[in-house]
PDB file of all heavy atoms in Angstrom:
ATOM      1  N   ALA A   1    -186.337 102.594  71.440  1.00  0.00           N
ATOM      2  CA  ALA A   1    -186.682 103.963  71.838  1.00  0.00           C
ATOM      3  C   ALA A   1    -188.138 104.256  71.488  1.00  0.00           C
ATOM      4  O   ALA A   1    -188.629 103.852  70.435  1.00  0.00           O
ATOM      5  CB  ALA A   1    -185.768 104.953  71.140  1.00  0.00           C
ATOM      6  N   MET A   2    -188.791 104.993  72.372  1.00  0.00           N
ATOM      7  CA  MET A   2    -190.193 105.359  72.174  1.00  0.00           C
ATOM      8  C   MET A   2    -190.383 106.830  71.839  1.00  0.00           C
ATOM      9  O   MET A   2    -191.485 107.271  71.545  1.00  0.00           O
ATOM     10  CB  MET A   2    -190.979 105.019  73.437  1.00  0.00           C
ATOM     11  CG  MET A   2    -191.022 103.532  73.737  1.00  0.00           C
ATOM     12  SD  MET A   2    -191.982 102.620  72.524  1.00  0.00           S
ATOM     13  CE  MET A   2    -193.612 103.211  72.930  1.00  0.00           C
ATOM     14  N   LEU A   3    -189.299 107.603  71.897  1.00  0.00           N
ATOM     15  CA  LEU A   3    -189.343 109.035  71.591  1.00  0.00           C
ATOM     16  C   LEU A   3    -187.998 109.412  71.004  1.00  0.00           C
ATOM     17  O   LEU A   3    -186.960 109.030  71.541  1.00  0.00           O
ATOM     18  CB  LEU A   3    -189.589 109.844  72.872  1.00  0.00           C
ATOM     19  CG  LEU A   3    -189.626 111.365  72.713  1.00  0.00           C
ATOM     20  CD1 LEU A   3    -191.027 111.810  72.319  1.00  0.00           C
ATOM     21  CD2 LEU A   3    -189.193 112.063  73.991  1.00  0.00           C
ATOM     22  N   GLY A   4    -188.030 110.138  69.892  1.00  0.00           N
ATOM     23  CA  GLY A   4    -186.820 110.653  69.285  1.00  0.00           C
ATOM     24  C   GLY A   4    -186.958 112.136  69.028  1.00  0.00           C
ATOM     25  O   GLY A   4    -187.934 112.764  69.459  1.00  0.00           O
ATOM     26  N   ASP A   5    -185.993 112.699  68.308  1.00  0.00           N
ATOM     27  CA  ASP A   5    -185.998 114.146  68.109  1.00  0.00           C
ATOM     28  C   ASP A   5    -187.206 114.636  67.328  1.00  0.00           C
ATOM     29  O   ASP A   5    -187.733 115.710  67.610  1.00  0.00           O
ATOM     30  CB  ASP A   5    -184.687 114.625  67.488  1.00  0.00           C
ATOM     31  CG  ASP A   5    -184.376 114.009  66.135  1.00  0.00           C
ATOM     32  OD1 ASP A   5    -185.039 113.034  65.717  1.00  0.00           O
ATOM     33  OD2 ASP A   5    -183.426 114.502  65.490  1.00  0.00           O
ATOM     34  N   GLN A   6    -187.702 113.876  66.373  1.00  0.00           N
ATOM     35  CA  GLN A   6    -188.859 114.314  65.594  1.00  0.00           C
ATOM     36  C   GLN A   6    -190.111 114.408  66.451  1.00  0.00           C
ATOM     37  O   GLN A   6    -190.874 115.373  66.352  1.00  0.00           O
ATOM     38  CB  GLN A   6    -189.097 113.385  64.410  1.00  0.00           C
ATOM     39  CG  GLN A   6    -187.989 113.452  63.371  1.00  0.00           C
ATOM     40  CD  GLN A   6    -188.210 112.474  62.231  1.00  0.00           C
ATOM     41  OE1 GLN A   6    -189.256 111.821  62.135  1.00  0.00           O
ATOM     42  NE2 GLN A   6    -187.229 112.357  61.357  1.00  0.00           N
ATOM     43  N   LEU A   7    -190.311 113.420  67.316  1.00  0.00           N
ATOM     44  CA  LEU A   7    -191.486 113.458  68.188  1.00  0.00           C
ATOM     45  C   LEU A   7    -191.340 114.521  69.276  1.00  0.00           C
ATOM     46  O   LEU A   7    -192.312 115.192  69.626  1.00  0.00           O
ATOM     47  CB  LEU A   7    -191.747 112.090  68.815  1.00  0.00           C
ATOM     48  CG  LEU A   7    -192.036 110.944  67.845  1.00  0.00           C
ATOM     49  CD1 LEU A   7    -192.546 109.728  68.598  1.00  0.00           C
ATOM     50  CD2 LEU A   7    -193.002 111.344  66.756  1.00  0.00           C
ATOM     51  N   ALA A   8    -190.127 114.676  69.798  1.00  0.00           N
ATOM     52  CA  ALA A   8    -189.896 115.733  70.797  1.00  0.00           C
ATOM     53  C   ALA A   8    -190.177 117.103  70.184  1.00  0.00           C
ATOM     54  O   ALA A   8    -190.774 117.972  70.832  1.00  0.00           O
ATOM     55  CB  ALA A   8    -188.475 115.658  71.336  1.00  0.00           C
ATOM     56  N   LEU A   9    -189.767 117.299  68.937  1.00  0.00           N
ATOM     57  CA  LEU A   9    -190.022 118.569  68.260  1.00  0.00           C
ATOM     58  C   LEU A   9    -191.522 118.801  68.076  1.00  0.00           C
ATOM     59  O   LEU A   9    -192.002 119.936  68.207  1.00  0.00           O
ATOM     60  CB  LEU A   9    -189.288 118.619  66.921  1.00  0.00           C
ATOM     61  CG  LEU A   9    -189.331 119.955  66.190  1.00  0.00           C
ATOM     62  CD1 LEU A   9    -188.779 121.087  67.048  1.00  0.00           C
ATOM     63  CD2 LEU A   9    -188.556 119.854  64.879  1.00  0.00           C
ATOM     64  N   LEU A  10    -192.275 117.743  67.788  1.00  0.00           N
ATOM     65  CA  LEU A  10    -193.740 117.879  67.740  1.00  0.00           C
ATOM     66  C   LEU A  10    -194.268 118.378  69.087  1.00  0.00           C
ATOM     67  O   LEU A  10    -195.159 119.227  69.133  1.00  0.00           O
ATOM     68  CB  LEU A  10    -194.397 116.536  67.422  1.00  0.00           C
ATOM     69  CG  LEU A  10    -194.386 116.066  65.991  1.00  0.00           C
ATOM     70  CD1 LEU A  10    -194.950 114.647  65.902  1.00  0.00           C
ATOM     71  CD2 LEU A  10    -195.182 117.008  65.104  1.00  0.00           C
ATOM     72  N   GLY A  11    -193.723 117.829  70.165  1.00  0.00           N
ATOM     73  CA  GLY A  11    -194.131 118.268  71.501  1.00  0.00           C
ATOM     74  C   GLY A  11    -193.846 119.738  71.734  1.00  0.00           C
ATOM     75  O   GLY A  11    -194.676 120.466  72.283  1.00  0.00           O
ATOM     76  N   VAL A  12    -192.671 120.193  71.293  1.00  0.00           N
ATOM     77  CA  VAL A  12    -192.318 121.609  71.426  1.00  0.00           C
ATOM     78  C   VAL A  12    -193.295 122.468  70.630  1.00  0.00           C
ATOM     79  O   VAL A  12    -193.859 123.437  71.144  1.00  0.00           O
ATOM     80  CB  VAL A  12    -190.866 121.864  70.953  1.00  0.00           C
ATOM     81  CG1 VAL A  12    -190.565 123.359  70.899  1.00  0.00           C
ATOM     82  CG2 VAL A  12    -189.867 121.147  71.854  1.00  0.00           C
ATOM     83  N   LYS A  13    -193.498 122.110  69.364  1.00  0.00           N
ATOM     84  CA  LYS A  13    -194.358 122.904  68.471  1.00  0.00           C
ATOM     85  C   LYS A  13    -195.798 122.954  68.942  1.00  0.00           C
ATOM     86  O   LYS A  13    -196.514 123.924  68.671  1.00  0.00           O
ATOM     87  CB  LYS A  13    -194.301 122.338  67.053  1.00  0.00           C
ATOM     88  CG  LYS A  13    -192.986 122.579  66.354  1.00  0.00           C
ATOM     89  CD  LYS A  13    -192.985 121.995  64.956  1.00  0.00           C
ATOM     90  CE  LYS A  13    -191.682 122.283  64.246  1.00  0.00           C
ATOM     91  NZ  LYS A  13    -191.630 121.681  62.894  1.00  0.00           N
ATOM     92  N   ASN A  14    -196.239 121.909  69.637  1.00  0.00           N
ATOM     93  CA  ASN A  14    -197.639 121.838  70.065  1.00  0.00           C
ATOM     94  C   ASN A  14    -197.855 122.194  71.527  1.00  0.00           C
ATOM     95  O   ASN A  14    -198.937 121.975  72.069  1.00  0.00           O
ATOM     96  CB  ASN A  14    -198.218 120.461  69.737  1.00  0.00           C
ATOM     97  CG  ASN A  14    -198.399 120.294  68.239  1.00  0.00           C
ATOM     98  OD1 ASN A  14    -199.006 121.132  67.583  1.00  0.00           O
ATOM     99  ND2 ASN A  14    -197.833 119.231  67.687  1.00  0.00           N
ATOM    100  N   GLY A  15    -196.835 122.752  72.179  1.00  0.00           N
ATOM    101  CA  GLY A  15    -197.013 123.325  73.507  1.00  0.00           C
ATOM    102  C   GLY A  15    -197.038 122.352  74.669  1.00  0.00           C
ATOM    103  O   GLY A  15    -197.603 122.659  75.715  1.00  0.00           O
ATOM    104  N   TRP A  16    -196.404 121.188  74.522  1.00  0.00           N
ATOM    105  CA  TRP A  16    -196.295 120.254  75.641  1.00  0.00           C
ATOM    106  C   TRP A  16    -195.174 120.717  76.564  1.00  0.00           C
ATOM    107  O   TRP A  16    -194.120 121.137  76.111  1.00  0.00           O
ATOM    108  CB  TRP A  16    -196.009 118.841  75.135  1.00  0.00           C
ATOM    109  CG  TRP A  16    -197.187 118.235  74.447  1.00  0.00           C
ATOM    110  CD1 TRP A  16    -197.524 118.373  73.124  1.00  0.00           C
ATOM    111  CD2 TRP A  16    -198.201 117.438  75.034  1.00  0.00           C
ATOM    112  NE1 TRP A  16    -198.694 117.703  72.868  1.00  0.00           N
ATOM    113  CE2 TRP A  16    -199.128 117.120  74.029  1.00  0.00           C
ATOM    114  CE3 TRP A  16    -198.413 116.950  76.323  1.00  0.00           C
ATOM    115  CZ2 TRP A  16    -200.259 116.338  74.268  1.00  0.00           C
ATOM    116  CZ3 TRP A  16    -199.534 116.173  76.565  1.00  0.00           C
ATOM    117  CH2 TRP A  16    -200.437 115.867  75.541  1.00  0.00           C
ATOM    118  N   ALA A  17    -195.400 120.632  77.877  1.00  0.00           N
ATOM    119  CA  ALA A  17    -194.362 121.014  78.843  1.00  0.00           C
ATOM    120  C   ALA A  17    -193.296 119.943  78.935  1.00  0.00           C
ATOM    121  O   ALA A  17    -192.112 120.254  79.124  1.00  0.00           O
ATOM    122  CB  ALA A  17    -194.968 121.257  80.223  1.00  0.00           C
ATOM    123  N   GLY A  18    -193.717 118.670  78.835  1.00  0.00           N
ATOM    124  CA  GLY A  18    -192.738 117.609  78.981  1.00  0.00           C
ATOM    125  C   GLY A  18    -193.298 116.237  78.718  1.00  0.00           C
ATOM    126  O   GLY A  18    -194.504 116.055  78.500  1.00  0.00           O
ATOM    127  N   VAL A  19    -192.376 115.262  78.751  1.00  0.00           N
ATOM    128  CA  VAL A  19    -192.705 113.853  78.571  1.00  0.00           C
ATOM    129  C   VAL A  19    -191.958 113.063  79.645  1.00  0.00           C
ATOM    130  O   VAL A  19    -190.757 113.251  79.831  1.00  0.00           O
ATOM    131  CB  VAL A  19    -192.276 113.338  77.180  1.00  0.00           C
ATOM    132  CG1 VAL A  19    -192.553 111.837  77.045  1.00  0.00           C
ATOM    133  CG2 VAL A  19    -192.955 114.123  76.060  1.00  0.00           C
ATOM    134  N   ILE A  20    -192.688 112.204  80.340  1.00  0.00           N
ATOM    135  CA  ILE A  20    -192.086 111.236  81.249  1.00  0.00           C
ATOM    136  C   ILE A  20    -192.201 109.891  80.542  1.00  0.00           C
ATOM    137  O   ILE A  20    -193.316 109.415  80.294  1.00  0.00           O
ATOM    138  CB  ILE A  20    -192.824 111.187  82.611  1.00  0.00           C
ATOM    139  CG1 ILE A  20    -192.848 112.549  83.286  1.00  0.00           C
ATOM    140  CG2 ILE A  20    -192.221 110.104  83.504  1.00  0.00           C
ATOM    141  CD1 ILE A  20    -191.529 113.023  83.817  1.00  0.00           C
ATOM    142  N   MET A  21    -191.065 109.294  80.201  1.00  0.00           N
ATOM    143  CA  MET A  21    -191.055 108.056  79.423  1.00  0.00           C
ATOM    144  C   MET A  21    -190.539 106.907  80.291  1.00  0.00           C
ATOM    145  O   MET A  21    -189.342 106.839  80.589  1.00  0.00           O
ATOM    146  CB  MET A  21    -190.159 108.228  78.196  1.00  0.00           C
ATOM    147  CG  MET A  21    -190.082 107.004  77.306  1.00  0.00           C
ATOM    148  SD  MET A  21    -191.665 106.515  76.579  1.00  0.00           S
ATOM    149  CE  MET A  21    -191.968 107.886  75.472  1.00  0.00           C
ATOM    150  N   TYR A  22    -191.446 106.017  80.682  1.00  0.00           N
ATOM    151  CA  TYR A  22    -191.043 104.812  81.401  1.00  0.00           C
ATOM    152  C   TYR A  22    -190.585 103.796  80.357  1.00  0.00           C
ATOM    153  O   TYR A  22    -191.232 102.806  80.059  1.00  0.00           O
ATOM    154  CB  TYR A  22    -192.203 104.291  82.245  1.00  0.00           C
ATOM    155  CG  TYR A  22    -191.862 103.081  83.081  1.00  0.00           C
ATOM    156  CD1 TYR A  22    -190.732 103.054  83.881  1.00  0.00           C
ATOM    157  CD2 TYR A  22    -192.690 101.960  83.075  1.00  0.00           C
ATOM    158  CE1 TYR A  22    -190.419 101.944  84.649  1.00  0.00           C
ATOM    159  CE2 TYR A  22    -192.387 100.845  83.840  1.00  0.00           C
ATOM    160  CZ  TYR A  22    -191.250 100.842  84.616  1.00  0.00           C
ATOM    161  OH  TYR A  22    -190.940  99.738  85.371  1.00  0.00           O
ATOM    162  N   GLY A  23    -189.458 104.144  79.761  1.00  0.00           N
ATOM    163  CA  GLY A  23    -188.844 103.411  78.671  1.00  0.00           C
ATOM    164  C   GLY A  23    -187.674 104.233  78.171  1.00  0.00           C
ATOM    165  O   GLY A  23    -187.144 105.072  78.906  1.00  0.00           O
ATOM    166  N   CYS A  24    -187.302 104.026  76.918  1.00  0.00           N
ATOM    167  CA  CYS A  24    -186.114 104.688  76.354  1.00  0.00           C
ATOM    168  C   CYS A  24    -186.471 105.746  75.321  1.00  0.00           C
ATOM    169  O   CYS A  24    -187.546 105.726  74.735  1.00  0.00           O
ATOM    170  CB  CYS A  24    -185.210 103.648  75.687  1.00  0.00           C
ATOM    171  SG  CYS A  24    -184.500 102.454  76.823  1.00  0.00           S
ATOM    172  N   ILE A  25    -185.515 106.640  75.114  1.00  0.00           N
ATOM    173  CA  ILE A  25    -185.581 107.625  74.040  1.00  0.00           C
ATOM    174  C   ILE A  25    -184.330 107.473  73.184  1.00  0.00           C
ATOM    175  O   ILE A  25    -183.410 106.747  73.544  1.00  0.00           O
ATOM    176  CB  ILE A  25    -185.677 109.074  74.571  1.00  0.00           C
ATOM    177  CG1 ILE A  25    -184.366 109.475  75.264  1.00  0.00           C
ATOM    178  CG2 ILE A  25    -186.874 109.228  75.497  1.00  0.00           C
ATOM    179  CD1 ILE A  25    -184.118 110.952  75.294  1.00  0.00           C
ATOM    180  N   ARG A  26    -184.296 108.176  72.057  1.00  0.00           N
ATOM    181  CA  ARG A  26    -183.086 108.260  71.246  1.00  0.00           C
ATOM    182  C   ARG A  26    -182.933 109.693  70.770  1.00  0.00           C
ATOM    183  O   ARG A  26    -183.775 110.530  71.062  1.00  0.00           O
ATOM    184  CB  ARG A  26    -183.114 107.262  70.092  1.00  0.00           C
ATOM    185  CG  ARG A  26    -184.165 107.522  69.043  1.00  0.00           C
ATOM    186  CD  ARG A  26    -184.189 106.365  68.078  1.00  0.00           C
ATOM    187  NE  ARG A  26    -184.749 106.737  66.791  1.00  0.00           N
ATOM    188  CZ  ARG A  26    -184.615 106.010  65.705  1.00  0.00           C
ATOM    189  NH1 ARG A  26    -183.935 104.889  65.734  1.00  0.00           N
ATOM    190  NH2 ARG A  26    -185.164 106.389  64.581  1.00  0.00           N
ATOM    191  N   ASP A  27    -181.861 109.974  70.067  1.00  0.00           N
ATOM    192  CA  ASP A  27    -181.568 111.353  69.624  1.00  0.00           C
ATOM    193  C   ASP A  27    -181.412 112.284  70.818  1.00  0.00           C
ATOM    194  O   ASP A  27    -181.890 113.423  70.815  1.00  0.00           O
ATOM    195  CB  ASP A  27    -182.656 111.879  68.671  1.00  0.00           C
ATOM    196  CG  ASP A  27    -182.875 110.984  67.460  1.00  0.00           C
ATOM    197  OD1 ASP A  27    -181.862 110.584  66.838  1.00  0.00           O
ATOM    198  OD2 ASP A  27    -184.044 110.697  67.132  1.00  0.00           O
ATOM    199  N   SER A  28    -180.743 111.806  71.848  1.00  0.00           N
ATOM    200  CA  SER A  28    -180.628 112.580  73.087  1.00  0.00           C
ATOM    201  C   SER A  28    -179.880 113.891  72.888  1.00  0.00           C
ATOM    202  O   SER A  28    -180.181 114.873  73.569  1.00  0.00           O
ATOM    203  CB  SER A  28    -179.972 111.747  74.183  1.00  0.00           C
ATOM    204  OG  SER A  28    -178.672 111.349  73.822  1.00  0.00           O
ATOM    205  N   GLY A  29    -178.920 113.944  71.976  1.00  0.00           N
ATOM    206  CA  GLY A  29    -178.192 115.193  71.715  1.00  0.00           C
ATOM    207  C   GLY A  29    -179.112 116.298  71.245  1.00  0.00           C
ATOM    208  O   GLY A  29    -179.178 117.371  71.867  1.00  0.00           O
ATOM    209  N   PRO A  30    -179.857 116.091  70.145  1.00  0.00           N
ATOM    210  CA  PRO A  30    -180.787 117.135  69.698  1.00  0.00           C
ATOM    211  C   PRO A  30    -181.878 117.457  70.727  1.00  0.00           C
ATOM    212  O   PRO A  30    -182.259 118.617  70.892  1.00  0.00           O
ATOM    213  CB  PRO A  30    -181.399 116.552  68.421  1.00  0.00           C
ATOM    214  CG  PRO A  30    -180.378 115.576  67.920  1.00  0.00           C
ATOM    215  CD  PRO A  30    -179.742 115.013  69.157  1.00  0.00           C
ATOM    216  N   ILE A  31    -182.382 116.449  71.426  1.00  0.00           N
ATOM    217  CA  ILE A  31    -183.444 116.681  72.409  1.00  0.00           C
ATOM    218  C   ILE A  31    -182.953 117.578  73.543  1.00  0.00           C
ATOM    219  O   ILE A  31    -183.709 118.402  74.068  1.00  0.00           O
ATOM    220  CB  ILE A  31    -184.007 115.342  72.932  1.00  0.00           C
ATOM    221  CG1 ILE A  31    -184.804 114.653  71.821  1.00  0.00           C
ATOM    222  CG2 ILE A  31    -184.859 115.542  74.179  1.00  0.00           C
ATOM    223  CD1 ILE A  31    -185.262 113.250  72.148  1.00  0.00           C
ATOM    224  N   ALA A  32    -181.677 117.471  73.888  1.00  0.00           N
ATOM    225  CA  ALA A  32    -181.114 118.301  74.961  1.00  0.00           C
ATOM    226  C   ALA A  32    -181.188 119.786  74.637  1.00  0.00           C
ATOM    227  O   ALA A  32    -181.195 120.617  75.541  1.00  0.00           O
ATOM    228  CB  ALA A  32    -179.660 117.898  75.233  1.00  0.00           C
ATOM    229  N   GLY A  33    -181.273 120.136  73.363  1.00  0.00           N
ATOM    230  CA  GLY A  33    -181.358 121.536  72.960  1.00  0.00           C
ATOM    231  C   GLY A  33    -182.780 122.032  72.742  1.00  0.00           C
ATOM    232  O   GLY A  33    -182.973 123.177  72.319  1.00  0.00           O
TER     233      GLY A  33
END
């Protein structure tokens, strides 16, 4: 995985609209929220 809940939360806190990952993520449950 190249993105998990901690990195996704950084994206939220820093105002990113989204991430397109040509690869895998993890922590999909928390990221969905």
